[in-house]
Amino acid sequence: MDHRESVLNYIDSHRDEIIKFMQGLIQTVSVTGDESSIGELVAAESRADGLEVELVEPVEKRVSVVASHRGTIGKPRVMMYSHYDTVPAGDLGSWAHPPFSGEIADGQIWGRGACDDKVATCGLVMAFRAIKRLGINLKGDIVFTHVGDEERGGRHGFQEILDRGYGEGVDCLFYAHGGSGEQIGVAANGSRGCTITVRGRSAHTARLEDGVNAVVKAAKLITRLQELADEVNQRRYPLPGTDTVMKSRFSINRCVGYVAHNNVPDRCEILVDRRYTPGEKEEQIDREFQGVIEAMKAEDPEFDAEVDIRSGNRVSVAPADSEIVRSIQRAAERVLGFRPKPAGGSHSSDHGWFVARHGKPFASYGVGGTGVHSANERIDVEDVILTTKVYALTMLDLLGAE
């Protein structure tokens, strides 16, 4: 029996252990801002499998885990990523099953983070465990990074890990997540939004003529911004080597301006979420923001606004035919019966920081899940097992085994 067959049989015979761990991850609340408890859980499980574990805590309770395996040869050296922080559960009354219960119903595991991204954490941990317990020796090195802060941009998560040098000498990044299973991510948009502060002059409502209403000025600005958004959201970027087309994104997501019920507001903030394709440049985006502001100032002497650009995840592009892509395809074909295709996405992702710093290939992949960032997030029990199998076979294929 070859290693692949042994690993697949092991995972099938340890289904209960895998699903129990998945439930435990969901039951361990890890809303971005406090990832300490889930960090301790993942660290303990990783130590139990003989991995060299280090906790990275740049800010109190902002905990990520780096768990390393030294192979018999040391090449290739692969970083394998998951994030275990989640967005809040939102309105609890909207959930069919409690969001932190990990309850199994209708063949699915329910809860916040089920597919974004705790199935990846579960799959990576349990895939390596299967290989380890079978006594299979991997030739290459693995640097597992289970991180927090992904949902807020990764400054205290993956960026911190890269800043501390854990990515040095890494040949490629395997970025694990939930997903359809039909596509392998090899590109993602960058993120470069902004906050625009419109300034007015406060006055009592009874003396409107003494004030300048920042909310009214902001409303006119929003109209102009939406005109730009309508143009930007039509932009397309055909990703070379794939049959996918990436989309630019521009969305006005917040407008806040208030002093008191009887006061003319002197300040109003507008938040724009902007995602840009590999076909756009950051300088171009900044000029477009500033161009709208300058046009407003030219038309209205009372208009005053300041733009604060937020540089988020970097745009990332990797080869569609890299060895890591081919390894995932071979593993998925064995487990799922088909070869997923490389593709680009209109989201942004942590792997942009890896590409910007190290310039090495990456590929992102996952199987299953629904309800990302919404009520009733869940994943099929069987998809948790399939994820573990694909990840295990990818490790065997990519790193080599003795």
Foldseek 3Di string as FASTA:
>chain_A
DDPLVQLLVLLVVCLVVLLVVLLVLLLPAAAFPANQVVQVVLQVLLVVLVWDWDWQFPDPRFIKIKTKDAAQAAPPEEEEEAESHFHDQPDQVVAPDGQSRLDADPQWGWHTCSFRASLSSSLQSVLSSSCSVVVWTFHHMYIYIYGGDFVVFQPSTPVVCVVVPPCPSHQEYEYETADAQQAKEFWEWWKKKKKKKKFKAKDFLVCPVVIGARLVLVVVLVVVQVVVQVVQQVDWDCDPPFREIAGKGKDWDDKDFDDDPGMRTGIIMIIIITTGAPVDDPVVVVCVVVVSQVVSCVVDVRIDMDMGMDGGAAIGGADQDDPLLVLLQVQCCVLVVGGHGYYHYHHGGPCSSVCVVPVHGYIYDAHFWDDGPHHGTIGRSVRSSSSSSSSSSSSCRNRPID
